[in-house]
Amino acid sequence: MGGKSKRQRRKRKRSDVHDEETVMKRRLGLLVFVSRNEALARILDTAIELWFGFGDPVSIHILACVAHQNLDKLGEARGSGGPVLKQTVTWENLYSAYESFKHSNGDPDHRDQFPSDNNTALLEDCVPAFKRIFGFHTPWMMTFGFHQTRHESTVKQRLSTLLPGVRIDDLAQLQMQQFANKVQPIFVRAYRQGLR
């Protein structure tokens, strides 16, 4: 069978269809209508929440890779704004475990390995790319960004201005989970007040 590949043959389903059946399924919760930025925000937030909670590194890796690849494609389509890590790290080092999980070879005894530090690097690359592309951060993204830059004086000064009454130096000294438990609710309140 020649001609088009499976990818080319796949029909795109319109997501803006509002026929009675589709509307009913949405009302019943059988269909979730989600924008690309909302889906990516949820994926990144889940990966970050798992990362702060010392969650399963494989799950974090899968989520971070999905977000990273989507942000890369979005940045490519815009001509800028996507992640930069892919430009400086070989594909094998960045996505090899993800690709191995995604394309199973059918061997139940097959083993994969990857450096779990890749998860932090992927998230560090995704969070600013998300902001460049969509123009905002979620509270979890803000929490992660602050955690990764918490010892930089310019970050402390900016946060002192944005979050008056919060003792930034005390927060910066907390362990990961304690940090997330204290800081994320602060960023939720700030987000609701318009900080993005």
Foldseek 3Di string as FASTA:
>chain_A
DDDDDPVVPDDDDDLPDDDPVVVVCVVVVVDDRDDPLRVLQVLLLVLLVCVLVVHDLVSSLLSLVVSLVVLQVLQVVVVHLHFDVPVPDPPCQQCVQNVCVVDDPPDPPDDDDHPSVSSLVSSVRRLRSSCSRVVAHALSSVLSVCQVCLVPPVSLVVVCVLQPPDDSVVLNPDRRNVNCVPRSVVSNVSVVVPHD
